[in-house]
């Protein structure tokens, strides 16, 4: 039977630790990106809600005017 050299075991162990740390880093970055995206999405939703409230009277007036013009042209 061939016995491995004494440095092979520790080298493989260090390589596995490096791979595990890389995956941990990837997971942490993905988590941070997801949190940032969630924050930005909620901010955007608030802004859109505010725009809808601000523009609602204008849109209603334009809709009513369009309905009047439609009745007038028939």
PDB file of N, CA and C in Angstrom:
ATOM      1  N   UNK A   1       0.832  -1.173   0.000  1.00  0.00           N
ATOM      2  CA  UNK A   1       0.000   0.000   0.000  1.00  0.00           C
ATOM      3  C   UNK A   1       0.882   1.244   0.000  1.00  0.00           C
ATOM      4  N   UNK A   2       0.431   2.235  -0.752  1.00  0.00           N
ATOM      5  CA  UNK A   2       1.202   3.485  -0.850  1.00  0.00           C
ATOM      6  C   UNK A   2       0.718   4.432   0.238  1.00  0.00           C
ATOM      7  N   UNK A   3       1.639   4.926   1.009  1.00  0.00           N
ATOM      8  CA  UNK A   3       1.278   5.899   2.043  1.00  0.00           C
ATOM      9  C   UNK A   3       1.504   7.303   1.497  1.00  0.00           C
ATOM     10  N   UNK A   4       0.565   8.207   1.744  1.00  0.00           N
ATOM     11  CA  UNK A   4       0.735   9.573   1.231  1.00  0.00           C
ATOM     12  C   UNK A   4       1.834  10.296   1.999  1.00  0.00           C
ATOM     13  N   UNK A   5       2.385  11.266   1.350  1.00  0.00           N
ATOM     14  CA  UNK A   5       3.406  12.084   2.000  1.00  0.00           C
ATOM     15  C   UNK A   5       2.778  12.847   3.165  1.00  0.00           C
ATOM     16  N   UNK A   6       3.559  13.168   4.170  1.00  0.00           N
ATOM     17  CA  UNK A   6       2.994  13.804   5.369  1.00  0.00           C
ATOM     18  C   UNK A   6       2.388  15.190   5.115  1.00  0.00           C
ATOM     19  N   UNK A   7       2.790  15.862   4.075  1.00  0.00           N
ATOM     20  CA  UNK A   7       2.278  17.216   3.827  1.00  0.00           C
ATOM     21  C   UNK A   7       0.958  17.222   3.063  1.00  0.00           C
ATOM     22  N   UNK A   8       0.548  16.062   2.518  1.00  0.00           N
ATOM     23  CA  UNK A   8      -0.666  16.016   1.691  1.00  0.00           C
ATOM     24  C   UNK A   8      -1.918  16.288   2.536  1.00  0.00           C
ATOM     25  N   UNK A   9      -2.042  15.665   3.677  1.00  0.00           N
ATOM     26  CA  UNK A   9      -3.228  15.839   4.529  1.00  0.00           C
ATOM     27  C   UNK A   9      -3.458  17.288   4.939  1.00  0.00           C
ATOM     28  N   UNK A  10      -2.438  17.943   5.525  1.00  0.00           N
ATOM     29  CA  UNK A  10      -2.633  19.342   5.907  1.00  0.00           C
ATOM     30  C   UNK A  10      -2.901  20.264   4.710  1.00  0.00           C
ATOM     31  N   UNK A  11      -2.284  19.963   3.572  1.00  0.00           N
ATOM     32  CA  UNK A  11      -2.505  20.789   2.388  1.00  0.00           C
ATOM     33  C   UNK A  11      -3.951  20.669   1.909  1.00  0.00           C
ATOM     34  N   UNK A  12      -4.461  19.448   1.884  1.00  0.00           N
ATOM     35  CA  UNK A  12      -5.859  19.238   1.490  1.00  0.00           C
ATOM     36  C   UNK A  12      -6.791  19.919   2.490  1.00  0.00           C
ATOM     37  N   UNK A  13      -6.487  19.820   3.769  1.00  0.00           N
ATOM     38  CA  UNK A  13      -7.320  20.453   4.793  1.00  0.00           C
ATOM     39  C   UNK A  13      -7.344  21.970   4.607  1.00  0.00           C
ATOM     40  N   UNK A  14      -6.193  22.566   4.352  1.00  0.00           N
ATOM     41  CA  UNK A  14      -6.139  24.016   4.125  1.00  0.00           C
ATOM     42  C   UNK A  14      -6.908  24.411   2.866  1.00  0.00           C
ATOM     43  N   UNK A  15      -6.814  23.593   1.835  1.00  0.00           N
ATOM     44  CA  UNK A  15      -7.555  23.882   0.604  1.00  0.00           C
ATOM     45  C   UNK A  15      -9.059  23.832   0.868  1.00  0.00           C
ATOM     46  N   UNK A  16      -9.506  22.849   1.649  1.00  0.00           N
ATOM     47  CA  UNK A  16     -10.930  22.758   1.970  1.00  0.00           C
ATOM     48  C   UNK A  16     -11.394  23.938   2.821  1.00  0.00           C
ATOM     49  N   UNK A  17     -10.548  24.388   3.728  1.00  0.00           N
ATOM     50  CA  UNK A  17     -10.884  25.573   4.528  1.00  0.00           C
ATOM     51  C   UNK A  17     -11.001  26.797   3.626  1.00  0.00           C
ATOM     52  N   UNK A  18     -10.073  26.939   2.681  1.00  0.00           N
ATOM     53  CA  UNK A  18     -10.127  28.072   1.754  1.00  0.00           C
ATOM     54  C   UNK A  18     -11.401  28.029   0.911  1.00  0.00           C
ATOM     55  N   UNK A  19     -11.787  26.852   0.448  1.00  0.00           N
ATOM     56  CA  UNK A  19     -13.015  26.708  -0.340  1.00  0.00           C
ATOM     57  C   UNK A  19     -14.234  27.050   0.519  1.00  0.00           C
ATOM     58  N   UNK A  20     -14.251  26.569   1.758  1.00  0.00           N
ATOM     59  CA  UNK A  20     -15.372  26.868   2.653  1.00  0.00           C
ATOM     60  C   UNK A  20     -15.474  28.366   2.921  1.00  0.00           C
ATOM     61  N   UNK A  21     -14.340  29.023   3.122  1.00  0.00           N
ATOM     62  CA  UNK A  21     -14.348  30.475   3.339  1.00  0.00           C
ATOM     63  C   UNK A  21     -14.834  31.223   2.100  1.00  0.00           C
ATOM     64  N   UNK A  22     -14.473  30.726   0.937  1.00  0.00           N
ATOM     65  CA  UNK A  22     -14.940  31.358  -0.300  1.00  0.00           C
ATOM     66  C   UNK A  22     -16.460  31.243  -0.412  1.00  0.00           C
ATOM     67  N   UNK A  23     -17.006  30.066  -0.117  1.00  0.00           N
ATOM     68  CA  UNK A  23     -18.460  29.902  -0.167  1.00  0.00           C
ATOM     69  C   UNK A  23     -19.151  30.751   0.897  1.00  0.00           C
ATOM     70  N   UNK A  24     -18.555  30.867   2.063  1.00  0.00           N
ATOM     71  CA  UNK A  24     -19.114  31.717   3.111  1.00  0.00           C
ATOM     72  C   UNK A  24     -19.131  33.174   2.664  1.00  0.00           C
ATOM     73  N   UNK A  25     -18.057  33.611   2.029  1.00  0.00           N
ATOM     74  CA  UNK A  25     -17.995  34.978   1.515  1.00  0.00           C
ATOM     75  C   UNK A  25     -19.064  35.210   0.452  1.00  0.00           C
ATOM     76  N   UNK A  26     -19.232  34.253  -0.438  1.00  0.00           N
ATOM     77  CA  UNK A  26     -20.267  34.364  -1.477  1.00  0.00           C
ATOM     78  C   UNK A  26     -21.645  34.481  -0.828  1.00  0.00           C
ATOM     79  N   UNK A  27     -21.908  33.663   0.176  1.00  0.00           N
ATOM     80  CA  UNK A  27     -23.209  33.700   0.846  1.00  0.00           C
ATOM     81  C   UNK A  27     -23.434  35.038   1.544  1.00  0.00           C
ATOM     82  N   UNK A  28     -22.410  35.566   2.199  1.00  0.00           N
ATOM     83  CA  UNK A  28     -22.547  36.848   2.890  1.00  0.00           C
ATOM     84  C   UNK A  28     -22.780  37.992   1.908  1.00  0.00           C
ATOM     85  N   UNK A  29     -22.076  37.970   0.795  1.00  0.00           N
ATOM     86  CA  UNK A  29     -22.271  39.014  -0.220  1.00  0.00           C
ATOM     87  C   UNK A  29     -23.665  38.911  -0.820  1.00  0.00           C
ATOM     88  N   UNK A  30     -24.131  37.695  -1.077  1.00  0.00           N
ATOM     89  CA  UNK A  30     -25.483  37.510  -1.613  1.00  0.00           C
ATOM     90  C   UNK A  30     -26.529  38.001  -0.613  1.00  0.00           C
ATOM     91  N   UNK A  31     -26.314  37.729   0.662  1.00  0.00           N
ATOM     92  CA  UNK A  31     -27.232  38.196   1.696  1.00  0.00           C
ATOM     93  C   UNK A  31     -27.250  39.719   1.760  1.00  0.00           C
ATOM     94  N   UNK A  32     -26.081  40.336   1.718  1.00  0.00           N
ATOM     95  CA  UNK A  32     -26.013  41.800   1.743  1.00  0.00           C
ATOM     96  C   UNK A  32     -26.695  42.402   0.517  1.00  0.00           C
ATOM     97  N   UNK A  33     -26.498  41.795  -0.638  1.00  0.00           N
ATOM     98  CA  UNK A  33     -27.139  42.293  -1.861  1.00  0.00           C
ATOM     99  C   UNK A  33     -28.655  42.145  -1.773  1.00  0.00           C
ATOM    100  N   UNK A  34     -29.123  41.043  -1.219  1.00  0.00           N
ATOM    101  CA  UNK A  34     -30.566  40.837  -1.077  1.00  0.00           C
ATOM    102  C   UNK A  34     -31.173  41.852  -0.112  1.00  0.00           C
ATOM    103  N   UNK A  35     -30.475  42.135   0.972  1.00  0.00           N
ATOM    104  CA  UNK A  35     -30.967  43.133   1.926  1.00  0.00           C
ATOM    105  C   UNK A  35     -31.022  44.511   1.286  1.00  0.00           C
ATOM    106  N   UNK A  36     -30.001  44.849   0.520  1.00  0.00           N
ATOM    107  CA  UNK A  36     -29.973  46.149  -0.162  1.00  0.00           C
ATOM    108  C   UNK A  36     -31.099  46.231  -1.187  1.00  0.00           C
ATOM    109  N   UNK A  37     -31.305  45.158  -1.945  1.00  0.00           N
ATOM    110  CA  UNK A  37     -32.370  45.143  -2.950  1.00  0.00           C
ATOM    111  C   UNK A  37     -33.739  45.276  -2.284  1.00  0.00           C
ATOM    112  N   UNK A  38     -33.938  44.615  -1.152  1.00  0.00           N
ATOM    113  CA  UNK A  38     -35.199  44.720  -0.429  1.00  0.00           C
ATOM    114  C   UNK A  38     -35.423  46.145   0.054  1.00  0.00           C
ATOM    115  N   UNK A  39     -34.376  46.754   0.571  1.00  0.00           N
ATOM    116  CA  UNK A  39     -34.476  48.136   1.034  1.00  0.00           C
ATOM    117  C   UNK A  39     -34.816  49.078  -0.112  1.00  0.00           C
ATOM    118  N   UNK A  40     -34.137  48.908  -1.234  1.00  0.00           N
ATOM    119  CA  UNK A  40     -34.396  49.762  -2.396  1.00  0.00           C
ATOM    120  C   UNK A  40     -35.800  49.546  -2.941  1.00  0.00           C
ATOM    121  N   UNK A  41     -36.262  48.303  -2.944  1.00  0.00           N
ATOM    122  CA  UNK A  41     -37.607  48.006  -3.450  1.00  0.00           C
ATOM    123  C   UNK A  41     -38.670  48.649  -2.568  1.00  0.00           C
ATOM    124  N   UNK A  42     -38.494  48.605  -1.266  1.00  0.00           N
ATOM    125  CA  UNK A  42     -39.485  49.226  -0.381  1.00  0.00           C
ATOM    126  C   UNK A  42     -39.456  50.746  -0.526  1.00  0.00           C
ATOM    127  N   UNK A  43     -38.267  51.309  -0.709  1.00  0.00           N
ATOM    128  CA  UNK A  43     -38.159  52.755  -0.940  1.00  0.00           C
ATOM    129  C   UNK A  43     -38.864  53.134  -2.240  1.00  0.00           C
ATOM    130  N   UNK A  44     -38.657  52.352  -3.281  1.00  0.00           N
ATOM    131  CA  UNK A  44     -39.302  52.607  -4.568  1.00  0.00           C
ATOM    132  C   UNK A  44     -40.820  52.481  -4.454  1.00  0.00           C
ATOM    133  N   UNK A  45     -41.291  51.500  -3.702  1.00  0.00           N
ATOM    134  CA  UNK A  45     -42.734  51.331  -3.516  1.00  0.00           C
ATOM    135  C   UNK A  45     -43.334  52.543  -2.805  1.00  0.00           C
ATOM    136  N   UNK A  46     -42.633  53.063  -1.798  1.00  0.00           N
ATOM    137  CA  UNK A  46     -43.113  54.268  -1.108  1.00  0.00           C
ATOM    138  C   UNK A  46     -43.164  55.459  -2.058  1.00  0.00           C
ATOM    139  N   UNK A  47     -42.120  55.615  -2.872  1.00  0.00           N
ATOM    140  CA  UNK A  47     -42.085  56.724  -3.829  1.00  0.00           C
ATOM    141  C   UNK A  47     -43.217  56.613  -4.845  1.00  0.00           C
ATOM    142  N   UNK A  48     -43.463  55.404  -5.355  1.00  0.00           N
ATOM    143  CA  UNK A  48     -44.554  55.220  -6.318  1.00  0.00           C
ATOM    144  C   UNK A  48     -45.911  55.505  -5.684  1.00  0.00           C
ATOM    145  N   UNK A  49     -46.093  55.092  -4.453  1.00  0.00           N
ATOM    146  CA  UNK A  49     -47.339  55.390  -3.751  1.00  0.00           C
ATOM    147  C   UNK A  49     -47.548  56.884  -3.594  1.00  0.00           C
ATOM    148  N   UNK A  50     -46.474  57.583  -3.262  1.00  0.00           N
ATOM    149  CA  UNK A  50     -46.551  59.039  -3.126  1.00  0.00           C
ATOM    150  C   UNK A  50     -46.880  59.694  -4.472  1.00  0.00           C
ATOM    151  N   UNK A  51     -46.259  59.223  -5.541  1.00  0.00           N
ATOM    152  CA  UNK A  51     -46.560  59.767  -6.866  1.00  0.00           C
ATOM    153  C   UNK A  51     -48.012  59.513  -7.255  1.00  0.00           C
ATOM    154  N   UNK A  52     -48.509  58.335  -6.945  1.00  0.00           N
ATOM    155  CA  UNK A  52     -49.916  58.030  -7.257  1.00  0.00           C
ATOM    156  C   UNK A  52     -50.851  58.974  -6.516  1.00  0.00           C
ATOM    157  N   UNK A  53     -50.562  59.231  -5.242  1.00  0.00           N
ATOM    158  CA  UNK A  53     -51.406  60.147  -4.474  1.00  0.00           C
ATOM    159  C   UNK A  53     -51.330  61.562  -5.042  1.00  0.00           C
ATOM    160  N   UNK A  54     -50.129  61.998  -5.436  1.00  0.00           N
ATOM    161  CA  UNK A  54     -49.971  63.345  -5.973  1.00  0.00           C
ATOM    162  C   UNK A  54     -50.649  63.505  -7.331  1.00  0.00           C
ATOM    163  N   UNK A  55     -50.557  62.485  -8.163  1.00  0.00           N
ATOM    164  CA  UNK A  55     -51.062  62.587  -9.529  1.00  0.00           C
ATOM    165  C   UNK A  55     -52.510  62.147  -9.675  1.00  0.00           C
ATOM    166  N   UNK A  56     -53.115  61.583  -8.644  1.00  0.00           N
ATOM    167  CA  UNK A  56     -54.486  61.073  -8.749  1.00  0.00           C
ATOM    168  C   UNK A  56     -55.476  62.140  -9.210  1.00  0.00           C
ATOM    169  N   UNK A  57     -55.479  63.352  -8.644  1.00  0.00           N
ATOM    170  CA  UNK A  57     -56.436  64.354  -9.119  1.00  0.00           C
ATOM    171  C   UNK A  57     -56.234  64.714 -10.594  1.00  0.00           C
ATOM    172  N   UNK A  58     -55.000  64.801 -11.016  1.00  0.00           N
ATOM    173  CA  UNK A  58     -54.719  65.134 -12.413  1.00  0.00           C
ATOM    174  C   UNK A  58     -55.209  64.030 -13.339  1.00  0.00           C
ATOM    175  N   UNK A  59     -54.937  62.794 -12.974  1.00  0.00           N
ATOM    176  CA  UNK A  59     -55.360  61.668 -13.809  1.00  0.00           C
ATOM    177  C   UNK A  59     -56.887  61.591 -13.861  1.00  0.00           C
ATOM    178  N   UNK A  60     -57.541  61.821 -12.728  1.00  0.00           N
ATOM    179  CA  UNK A  60     -59.007  61.799 -12.717  1.00  0.00           C
ATOM    180  C   UNK A  60     -59.574  62.916 -13.586  1.00  0.00           C
ATOM    181  N   UNK A  61     -58.978  64.100 -13.518  1.00  0.00           N
ATOM    182  CA  UNK A  61     -59.453  65.216 -14.340  1.00  0.00           C
ATOM    183  C   UNK A  61     -59.256  64.919 -15.822  1.00  0.00           C
ATOM    184  N   UNK A  62     -58.116  64.367 -16.179  1.00  0.00           N
ATOM    185  CA  UNK A  62     -57.875  64.029 -17.582  1.00  0.00           C
ATOM    186  C   UNK A  62     -58.825  62.939 -18.068  1.00  0.00           C
ATOM    187  N   UNK A  63     -59.102  61.969 -17.215  1.00  0.00           N
ATOM    188  CA  UNK A  63     -60.040  60.911 -17.581  1.00  0.00           C
ATOM    189  C   UNK A  63     -61.435  61.488 -17.806  1.00  0.00           C
ATOM    190  N   UNK A  64     -61.856  62.372 -16.909  1.00  0.00           N
ATOM    191  CA  UNK A  64     -63.173  62.998 -17.063  1.00  0.00           C
ATOM    192  C   UNK A  64     -63.224  63.845 -18.329  1.00  0.00           C
ATOM    193  N   UNK A  65     -62.164  64.609 -18.590  1.00  0.00           N
ATOM    194  CA  UNK A  65     -62.123  65.433 -19.802  1.00  0.00           C
ATOM    195  C   UNK A  65     -62.154  64.556 -21.046  1.00  0.00           C
ATOM    196  N   UNK A  66     -61.441  63.465 -21.033  1.00  0.00           N
ATOM    197  CA  UNK A  66     -61.457  62.540 -22.160  1.00  0.00           C
ATOM    198  C   UNK A  66     -62.846  61.964 -22.390  1.00  0.00           C
ATOM    199  N   UNK A  67     -63.541  61.657 -21.298  1.00  0.00           N
ATOM    200  CA  UNK A  67     -64.908  61.139 -21.424  1.00  0.00           C
ATOM    201  C   UNK A  67     -65.828  62.199 -22.021  1.00  0.00           C
ATOM    202  N   UNK A  68     -65.657  63.460 -21.598  1.00  0.00           N
ATOM    203  CA  UNK A  68     -66.482  64.541 -22.164  1.00  0.00           C
ATOM    204  C   UNK A  68     -66.198  64.716 -23.647  1.00  0.00           C
ATOM    205  N   UNK A  69     -64.935  64.679 -24.025  1.00  0.00           N
ATOM    206  CA  UNK A  69     -64.579  64.829 -25.439  1.00  0.00           C
ATOM    207  C   UNK A  69     -65.130  63.668 -26.263  1.00  0.00           C
ATOM    208  N   UNK A  70     -65.100  62.485 -25.673  1.00  0.00           N
ATOM    209  CA  UNK A  70     -65.619  61.318 -26.388  1.00  0.00           C
ATOM    210  C   UNK A  70     -67.120  61.472 -26.630  1.00  0.00           C
ATOM    211  N   UNK A  71     -67.857  61.912 -25.613  1.00  0.00           N
ATOM    212  CA  UNK A  71     -69.300  62.126 -25.785  1.00  0.00           C
ATOM    213  C   UNK A  71     -69.563  63.241 -26.798  1.00  0.00           C
ATOM    214  N   UNK A  72     -68.737  64.276 -26.790  1.00  0.00           N
ATOM    215  CA  UNK A  72     -68.926  65.430 -27.674  1.00  0.00           C
ATOM    216  C   UNK A  72     -68.684  65.063 -29.137  1.00  0.00           C
ATOM    217  N   UNK A  73     -67.738  64.146 -29.388  1.00  0.00           N
ATOM    218  CA  UNK A  73     -67.393  63.805 -30.770  1.00  0.00           C
ATOM    219  C   UNK A  73     -68.293  62.736 -31.363  1.00  0.00           C
ATOM    220  N   UNK A  74     -69.148  62.133 -30.573  1.00  0.00           N
ATOM    221  CA  UNK A  74     -70.017  61.068 -31.119  1.00  0.00           C
ATOM    222  C   UNK A  74     -71.192  61.630 -31.838  1.00  0.00           C
TER     223      UNK A  74
END
